[in-house]
PDB file of N, CA and C in Angstrom:
ATOM      1  N   MET A   1      15.485 -10.062  -7.014  1.00  0.00           N
ATOM      2  CA  MET A   1      14.479  -9.141  -7.504  1.00  0.00           C
ATOM      3  C   MET A   1      14.483  -9.134  -9.020  1.00  0.00           C
ATOM      4  N   SER A   2      13.342  -8.879  -9.564  1.00  0.00           N
ATOM      5  CA  SER A   2      13.222  -8.753 -11.005  1.00  0.00           C
ATOM      6  C   SER A   2      12.797  -7.331 -11.357  1.00  0.00           C
ATOM      7  N   PRO A   3      12.948  -6.929 -12.599  1.00  0.00           N
ATOM      8  CA  PRO A   3      12.630  -5.550 -12.994  1.00  0.00           C
ATOM      9  C   PRO A   3      11.169  -5.164 -12.789  1.00  0.00           C
ATOM     10  N   ASP A   4      10.258  -6.137 -12.747  1.00  0.00           N
ATOM     11  CA  ASP A   4       8.844  -5.791 -12.597  1.00  0.00           C
ATOM     12  C   ASP A   4       8.376  -5.703 -11.150  1.00  0.00           C
ATOM     13  N   GLU A   5       9.249  -5.973 -10.182  1.00  0.00           N
ATOM     14  CA  GLU A   5       8.866  -5.859  -8.776  1.00  0.00           C
ATOM     15  C   GLU A   5       8.992  -4.415  -8.309  1.00  0.00           C
ATOM     16  N   ARG A   6       7.969  -3.964  -7.614  1.00  0.00           N
ATOM     17  CA  ARG A   6       7.930  -2.578  -7.177  1.00  0.00           C
ATOM     18  C   ARG A   6       8.435  -2.471  -5.738  1.00  0.00           C
ATOM     19  N   VAL A   7       9.372  -1.581  -5.537  1.00  0.00           N
ATOM     20  CA  VAL A   7       9.925  -1.317  -4.217  1.00  0.00           C
ATOM     21  C   VAL A   7       9.710   0.159  -3.933  1.00  0.00           C
ATOM     22  N   TYR A   8       9.294   0.476  -2.731  1.00  0.00           N
ATOM     23  CA  TYR A   8       9.097   1.874  -2.380  1.00  0.00           C
ATOM     24  C   TYR A   8       9.720   2.172  -1.025  1.00  0.00           C
ATOM     25  N   ARG A   9       9.935   3.428  -0.770  1.00  0.00           N
ATOM     26  CA  ARG A   9      10.534   3.855   0.481  1.00  0.00           C
ATOM     27  C   ARG A   9       9.436   4.406   1.383  1.00  0.00           C
ATOM     28  N   GLY A  10       9.327   3.851   2.570  1.00  0.00           N
ATOM     29  CA  GLY A  10       8.303   4.272   3.513  1.00  0.00           C
ATOM     30  C   GLY A  10       8.676   5.567   4.201  1.00  0.00           C
ATOM     31  N   SER A  11       7.735   6.111   4.949  1.00  0.00           N
ATOM     32  CA  SER A  11       7.970   7.373   5.661  1.00  0.00           C
ATOM     33  C   SER A  11       9.017   7.223   6.758  1.00  0.00           C
ATOM     34  N   ASP A  12       9.307   5.992   7.150  1.00  0.00           N
ATOM     35  CA  ASP A  12      10.336   5.739   8.162  1.00  0.00           C
ATOM     36  C   ASP A  12      11.728   5.570   7.548  1.00  0.00           C
ATOM     37  N   GLY A  13      11.837   5.712   6.217  1.00  0.00           N
ATOM     38  CA  GLY A  13      13.125   5.607   5.542  1.00  0.00           C
ATOM     39  C   GLY A  13      13.496   4.200   5.119  1.00  0.00           C
ATOM     40  N   ARG A  14      12.714   3.202   5.502  1.00  0.00           N
ATOM     41  CA  ARG A  14      12.999   1.821   5.126  1.00  0.00           C
ATOM     42  C   ARG A  14      12.386   1.511   3.765  1.00  0.00           C
ATOM     43  N   TYR A  15      12.940   0.516   3.070  1.00  0.00           N
ATOM     44  CA  TYR A  15      12.438   0.102   1.773  1.00  0.00           C
ATOM     45  C   TYR A  15      11.503  -1.100   1.932  1.00  0.00           C
ATOM     46  N   TYR A  16      10.434  -1.102   1.156  1.00  0.00           N
ATOM     47  CA  TYR A  16       9.426  -2.145   1.231  1.00  0.00           C
ATOM     48  C   TYR A  16       9.093  -2.658  -0.163  1.00  0.00           C
ATOM     49  N   CYS A  17       8.630  -3.921  -0.214  1.00  0.00           N
ATOM     50  CA  CYS A  17       8.152  -4.518  -1.456  1.00  0.00           C
ATOM     51  C   CYS A  17       6.659  -4.281  -1.561  1.00  0.00           C
ATOM     52  N   ARG A  18       6.190  -4.128  -2.783  1.00  0.00           N
ATOM     53  CA  ARG A  18       4.745  -4.075  -2.994  1.00  0.00           C
ATOM     54  C   ARG A  18       4.261  -5.514  -3.049  1.00  0.00           C
ATOM     55  N   ARG A  19       3.326  -5.851  -2.206  1.00  0.00           N
ATOM     56  CA  ARG A  19       2.806  -7.211  -2.140  1.00  0.00           C
ATOM     57  C   ARG A  19       1.343  -7.250  -2.544  1.00  0.00           C
ATOM     58  N   SER A  20       0.942  -8.379  -3.065  1.00  0.00           N
ATOM     59  CA  SER A  20      -0.447  -8.586  -3.446  1.00  0.00           C
ATOM     60  C   SER A  20      -1.325  -8.596  -2.206  1.00  0.00           C
ATOM     61  N   ASP A  21      -2.505  -8.012  -2.306  1.00  0.00           N
ATOM     62  CA  ASP A  21      -3.428  -8.045  -1.175  1.00  0.00           C
ATOM     63  C   ASP A  21      -4.259  -9.323  -1.158  1.00  0.00           C
ATOM     64  N   GLY A  22      -4.099 -10.181  -2.144  1.00  0.00           N
ATOM     65  CA  GLY A  22      -4.769 -11.479  -2.163  1.00  0.00           C
ATOM     66  C   GLY A  22      -6.140 -11.495  -2.801  1.00  0.00           C
ATOM     67  N   THR A  23      -6.589 -10.375  -3.362  1.00  0.00           N
ATOM     68  CA  THR A  23      -7.937 -10.314  -3.914  1.00  0.00           C
ATOM     69  C   THR A  23      -8.133 -11.275  -5.080  1.00  0.00           C
ATOM     70  N   ALA A  24      -7.195 -11.318  -5.997  1.00  0.00           N
ATOM     71  CA  ALA A  24      -7.328 -12.220  -7.150  1.00  0.00           C
ATOM     72  C   ALA A  24      -7.378 -13.673  -6.696  1.00  0.00           C
ATOM     73  N   GLY A  25      -6.517 -14.037  -5.761  1.00  0.00           N
ATOM     74  CA  GLY A  25      -6.524 -15.405  -5.240  1.00  0.00           C
ATOM     75  C   GLY A  25      -7.813 -15.733  -4.516  1.00  0.00           C
ATOM     76  N   LEU A  26      -8.359 -14.758  -3.814  1.00  0.00           N
ATOM     77  CA  LEU A  26      -9.618 -14.938  -3.100  1.00  0.00           C
ATOM     78  C   LEU A  26     -10.754 -15.248  -4.074  1.00  0.00           C
ATOM     79  N   ILE A  27     -10.821 -14.474  -5.150  1.00  0.00           N
ATOM     80  CA  ILE A  27     -11.897 -14.658  -6.130  1.00  0.00           C
ATOM     81  C   ILE A  27     -11.745 -15.982  -6.876  1.00  0.00           C
ATOM     82  N   VAL A  28     -10.545 -16.240  -7.391  1.00  0.00           N
ATOM     83  CA  VAL A  28     -10.322 -17.478  -8.147  1.00  0.00           C
ATOM     84  C   VAL A  28     -10.502 -18.696  -7.251  1.00  0.00           C
ATOM     85  N   GLY A  29      -9.977 -18.637  -6.042  1.00  0.00           N
ATOM     86  CA  GLY A  29     -10.125 -19.754  -5.107  1.00  0.00           C
ATOM     87  C   GLY A  29     -11.567 -19.998  -4.714  1.00  0.00           C
ATOM     88  N   GLY A  30     -12.323 -18.915  -4.521  1.00  0.00           N
ATOM     89  CA  GLY A  30     -13.734 -19.058  -4.173  1.00  0.00           C
ATOM     90  C   GLY A  30     -14.540 -19.708  -5.280  1.00  0.00           C
ATOM     91  N   ILE A  31     -14.288 -19.293  -6.513  1.00  0.00           N
ATOM     92  CA  ILE A  31     -15.018 -19.889  -7.645  1.00  0.00           C
ATOM     93  C   ILE A  31     -14.640 -21.354  -7.813  1.00  0.00           C
ATOM     94  N   ALA A  32     -13.337 -21.633  -7.798  1.00  0.00           N
ATOM     95  CA  ALA A  32     -12.891 -23.021  -7.973  1.00  0.00           C
ATOM     96  C   ALA A  32     -13.395 -23.910  -6.834  1.00  0.00           C
ATOM     97  N   GLY A  33     -13.337 -23.400  -5.614  1.00  0.00           N
ATOM     98  CA  GLY A  33     -13.821 -24.174  -4.474  1.00  0.00           C
ATOM     99  C   GLY A  33     -15.315 -24.424  -4.534  1.00  0.00           C
ATOM    100  N   GLY A  34     -16.071 -23.416  -4.976  1.00  0.00           N
ATOM    101  CA  GLY A  34     -17.515 -23.591  -5.111  1.00  0.00           C
ATOM    102  C   GLY A  34     -17.881 -24.644  -6.137  1.00  0.00           C
ATOM    103  N   VAL A  35     -17.199 -24.613  -7.264  1.00  0.00           N
ATOM    104  CA  VAL A  35     -17.462 -25.610  -8.314  1.00  0.00           C
ATOM    105  C   VAL A  35     -17.085 -27.008  -7.833  1.00  0.00           C
ATOM    106  N   LEU A  36     -15.937 -27.118  -7.196  1.00  0.00           N
ATOM    107  CA  LEU A  36     -15.496 -28.422  -6.700  1.00  0.00           C
ATOM    108  C   LEU A  36     -16.413 -28.926  -5.583  1.00  0.00           C
ATOM    109  N   GLY A  37     -16.795 -28.034  -4.679  1.00  0.00           N
ATOM    110  CA  GLY A  37     -17.700 -28.423  -3.596  1.00  0.00           C
ATOM    111  C   GLY A  37     -19.040 -28.904  -4.116  1.00  0.00           C
ATOM    112  N   ASN A  38     -19.553 -28.251  -5.145  1.00  0.00           N
ATOM    113  CA  ASN A  38     -20.822 -28.664  -5.742  1.00  0.00           C
ATOM    114  C   ASN A  38     -20.683 -30.026  -6.413  1.00  0.00           C
ATOM    115  N   ALA A  39     -19.552 -30.247  -7.046  1.00  0.00           N
ATOM    116  CA  ALA A  39     -19.349 -31.503  -7.778  1.00  0.00           C
ATOM    117  C   ALA A  39     -19.221 -32.708  -6.849  1.00  0.00           C
ATOM    118  N   ILE A  40     -18.609 -32.522  -5.684  1.00  0.00           N
ATOM    119  CA  ILE A  40     -18.369 -33.683  -4.816  1.00  0.00           C
ATOM    120  C   ILE A  40     -19.386 -33.822  -3.683  1.00  0.00           C
ATOM    121  N   ALA A  41     -20.294 -32.851  -3.538  1.00  0.00           N
ATOM    122  CA  ALA A  41     -21.295 -32.931  -2.475  1.00  0.00           C
ATOM    123  C   ALA A  41     -22.287 -34.061  -2.773  1.00  0.00           C
ATOM    124  N   PRO A  42     -22.584 -34.856  -1.758  1.00  0.00           N
ATOM    125  CA  PRO A  42     -23.504 -35.973  -1.989  1.00  0.00           C
ATOM    126  C   PRO A  42     -24.971 -35.544  -1.969  1.00  0.00           C
ATOM    127  N   GLY A  43     -25.772 -36.189  -2.791  1.00  0.00           N
ATOM    128  CA  GLY A  43     -27.225 -36.067  -2.762  1.00  0.00           C
ATOM    129  C   GLY A  43     -27.772 -34.659  -2.803  1.00  0.00           C
ATOM    130  N   GLY A  44     -28.624 -34.339  -1.826  1.00  0.00           N
ATOM    131  CA  GLY A  44     -29.322 -33.063  -1.809  1.00  0.00           C
ATOM    132  C   GLY A  44     -28.570 -31.940  -1.132  1.00  0.00           C
ATOM    133  N   SER A  45     -27.306 -32.128  -0.837  1.00  0.00           N
ATOM    134  CA  SER A  45     -26.551 -31.091  -0.126  1.00  0.00           C
ATOM    135  C   SER A  45     -25.638 -30.299  -1.063  1.00  0.00           C
ATOM    136  N   LYS A  46     -26.069 -30.093  -2.290  1.00  0.00           N
ATOM    137  CA  LYS A  46     -25.258 -29.361  -3.273  1.00  0.00           C
ATOM    138  C   LYS A  46     -25.016 -27.917  -2.832  1.00  0.00           C
ATOM    139  N   THR A  47     -26.024 -27.277  -2.270  1.00  0.00           N
ATOM    140  CA  THR A  47     -25.879 -25.884  -1.839  1.00  0.00           C
ATOM    141  C   THR A  47     -24.858 -25.775  -0.715  1.00  0.00           C
ATOM    142  N   LEU A  48     -24.963 -26.655   0.261  1.00  0.00           N
ATOM    143  CA  LEU A  48     -24.007 -26.641   1.374  1.00  0.00           C
ATOM    144  C   LEU A  48     -22.599 -26.953   0.876  1.00  0.00           C
ATOM    145  N   GLY A  49     -22.470 -27.905  -0.019  1.00  0.00           N
ATOM    146  CA  GLY A  49     -21.163 -28.238  -0.586  1.00  0.00           C
ATOM    147  C   GLY A  49     -20.558 -27.068  -1.335  1.00  0.00           C
ATOM    148  N   THR A  50     -21.399 -26.355  -2.081  1.00  0.00           N
ATOM    149  CA  THR A  50     -20.932 -25.182  -2.829  1.00  0.00           C
ATOM    150  C   THR A  50     -20.455 -24.094  -1.886  1.00  0.00           C
ATOM    151  N   LEU A  51     -21.233 -23.804  -0.850  1.00  0.00           N
ATOM    152  CA  LEU A  51     -20.865 -22.749   0.113  1.00  0.00           C
ATOM    153  C   LEU A  51     -19.590 -23.086   0.877  1.00  0.00           C
ATOM    154  N   LEU A  52     -19.494 -24.322   1.352  1.00  0.00           N
ATOM    155  CA  LEU A  52     -18.288 -24.724   2.083  1.00  0.00           C
ATOM    156  C   LEU A  52     -17.061 -24.756   1.171  1.00  0.00           C
ATOM    157  N   GLY A  53     -17.249 -25.246  -0.044  1.00  0.00           N
ATOM    158  CA  GLY A  53     -16.143 -25.273  -1.003  1.00  0.00           C
ATOM    159  C   GLY A  53     -15.679 -23.875  -1.366  1.00  0.00           C
ATOM    160  N   ALA A  54     -16.620 -22.955  -1.559  1.00  0.00           N
ATOM    161  CA  ALA A  54     -16.267 -21.577  -1.889  1.00  0.00           C
ATOM    162  C   ALA A  54     -15.525 -20.907  -0.738  1.00  0.00           C
ATOM    163  N   ALA A  55     -15.975 -21.122   0.482  1.00  0.00           N
ATOM    164  CA  ALA A  55     -15.304 -20.524   1.647  1.00  0.00           C
ATOM    165  C   ALA A  55     -13.880 -21.076   1.800  1.00  0.00           C
ATOM    166  N   GLY A  56     -13.752 -22.387   1.681  1.00  0.00           N
ATOM    167  CA  GLY A  56     -12.421 -22.994   1.792  1.00  0.00           C
ATOM    168  C   GLY A  56     -11.496 -22.577   0.660  1.00  0.00           C
ATOM    169  N   GLY A  57     -12.017 -22.556  -0.557  1.00  0.00           N
ATOM    170  CA  GLY A  57     -11.212 -22.150  -1.707  1.00  0.00           C
ATOM    171  C   GLY A  57     -10.778 -20.701  -1.618  1.00  0.00           C
ATOM    172  N   ALA A  58     -11.660 -19.839  -1.136  1.00  0.00           N
ATOM    173  CA  ALA A  58     -11.318 -18.427  -0.990  1.00  0.00           C
ATOM    174  C   ALA A  58     -10.226 -18.238   0.053  1.00  0.00           C
ATOM    175  N   ALA A  59     -10.311 -18.963   1.156  1.00  0.00           N
ATOM    176  CA  ALA A  59      -9.296 -18.854   2.200  1.00  0.00           C
ATOM    177  C   ALA A  59      -7.927 -19.321   1.690  1.00  0.00           C
ATOM    178  N   VAL A  60      -7.914 -20.443   1.004  1.00  0.00           N
ATOM    179  CA  VAL A  60      -6.653 -20.964   0.465  1.00  0.00           C
ATOM    180  C   VAL A  60      -6.102 -20.035  -0.619  1.00  0.00           C
ATOM    181  N   GLY A  61      -6.963 -19.593  -1.531  1.00  0.00           N
ATOM    182  CA  GLY A  61      -6.525 -18.695  -2.600  1.00  0.00           C
ATOM    183  C   GLY A  61      -5.966 -17.390  -2.072  1.00  0.00           C
ATOM    184  N   ASN A  62      -6.584 -16.836  -1.049  1.00  0.00           N
ATOM    185  CA  ASN A  62      -6.108 -15.597  -0.437  1.00  0.00           C
ATOM    186  C   ASN A  62      -4.743 -15.800   0.205  1.00  0.00           C
ATOM    187  N   ALA A  63      -4.576 -16.897   0.930  1.00  0.00           N
ATOM    188  CA  ALA A  63      -3.298 -17.174   1.586  1.00  0.00           C
ATOM    189  C   ALA A  63      -2.170 -17.356   0.572  1.00  0.00           C
ATOM    190  N   VAL A  64      -2.460 -18.070  -0.503  1.00  0.00           N
ATOM    191  CA  VAL A  64      -1.437 -18.296  -1.537  1.00  0.00           C
ATOM    192  C   VAL A  64      -1.061 -16.986  -2.208  1.00  0.00           C
ATOM    193  N   ALA A  65      -2.033 -16.165  -2.524  1.00  0.00           N
ATOM    194  CA  ALA A  65      -1.764 -14.894  -3.201  1.00  0.00           C
ATOM    195  C   ALA A  65      -0.959 -13.940  -2.331  1.00  0.00           C
ATOM    196  N   GLN A  66      -1.208 -13.931  -1.031  1.00  0.00           N
ATOM    197  CA  GLN A  66      -0.482 -13.022  -0.144  1.00  0.00           C
ATOM    198  C   GLN A  66       0.955 -13.470   0.079  1.00  0.00           C
ATOM    199  N   ASP A  67       1.233 -14.740  -0.076  1.00  0.00           N
ATOM    200  CA  ASP A  67       2.586 -15.245   0.137  1.00  0.00           C
ATOM    201  C   ASP A  67       3.441 -15.199  -1.123  1.00  0.00           C
ATOM    202  N   SER A  68       3.002 -14.490  -2.147  1.00  0.00           N
ATOM    203  CA  SER A  68       3.724 -14.518  -3.425  1.00  0.00           C
ATOM    204  C   SER A  68       4.696 -13.362  -3.611  1.00  0.00           C
ATOM    205  N   ALA A  69       5.118 -12.703  -2.545  1.00  0.00           N
ATOM    206  CA  ALA A  69       6.104 -11.624  -2.675  1.00  0.00           C
ATOM    207  C   ALA A  69       7.487 -12.244  -2.912  1.00  0.00           C
ATOM    208  N   HIS A  70       8.264 -11.649  -3.818  1.00  0.00           N
ATOM    209  CA  HIS A  70       9.553 -12.234  -4.180  1.00  0.00           C
ATOM    210  C   HIS A  70      10.740 -11.401  -3.737  1.00  0.00           C
ATOM    211  N   CYS A  71      10.584 -10.118  -3.540  1.00  0.00           N
ATOM    212  CA  CYS A  71      11.763  -9.302  -3.231  1.00  0.00           C
ATOM    213  C   CYS A  71      12.155  -9.464  -1.775  1.00  0.00           C
ATOM    214  N   ARG A  72      13.412  -9.244  -1.491  1.00  0.00           N
ATOM    215  CA  ARG A  72      13.933  -9.438  -0.131  1.00  0.00           C
ATOM    216  C   ARG A  72      14.618  -8.199   0.350  1.00  0.00           C
TER     217      ARG A  72
END
């Protein structure tokens, strides 16, 4: 644990870590995925590439952000 990690005591008496809800990763991943999807989409399917890239990037970004808890 580091000094900046927040730990709290639940109503059941157990101690818990404060974890990210993944919102920042969702937003950053969605934007990055949308830009990448638009860049690699062939021909006239730029809109579809952007939407699919944004959805995939948001899912990956959210998963990465939620798995970033460090305290044990």
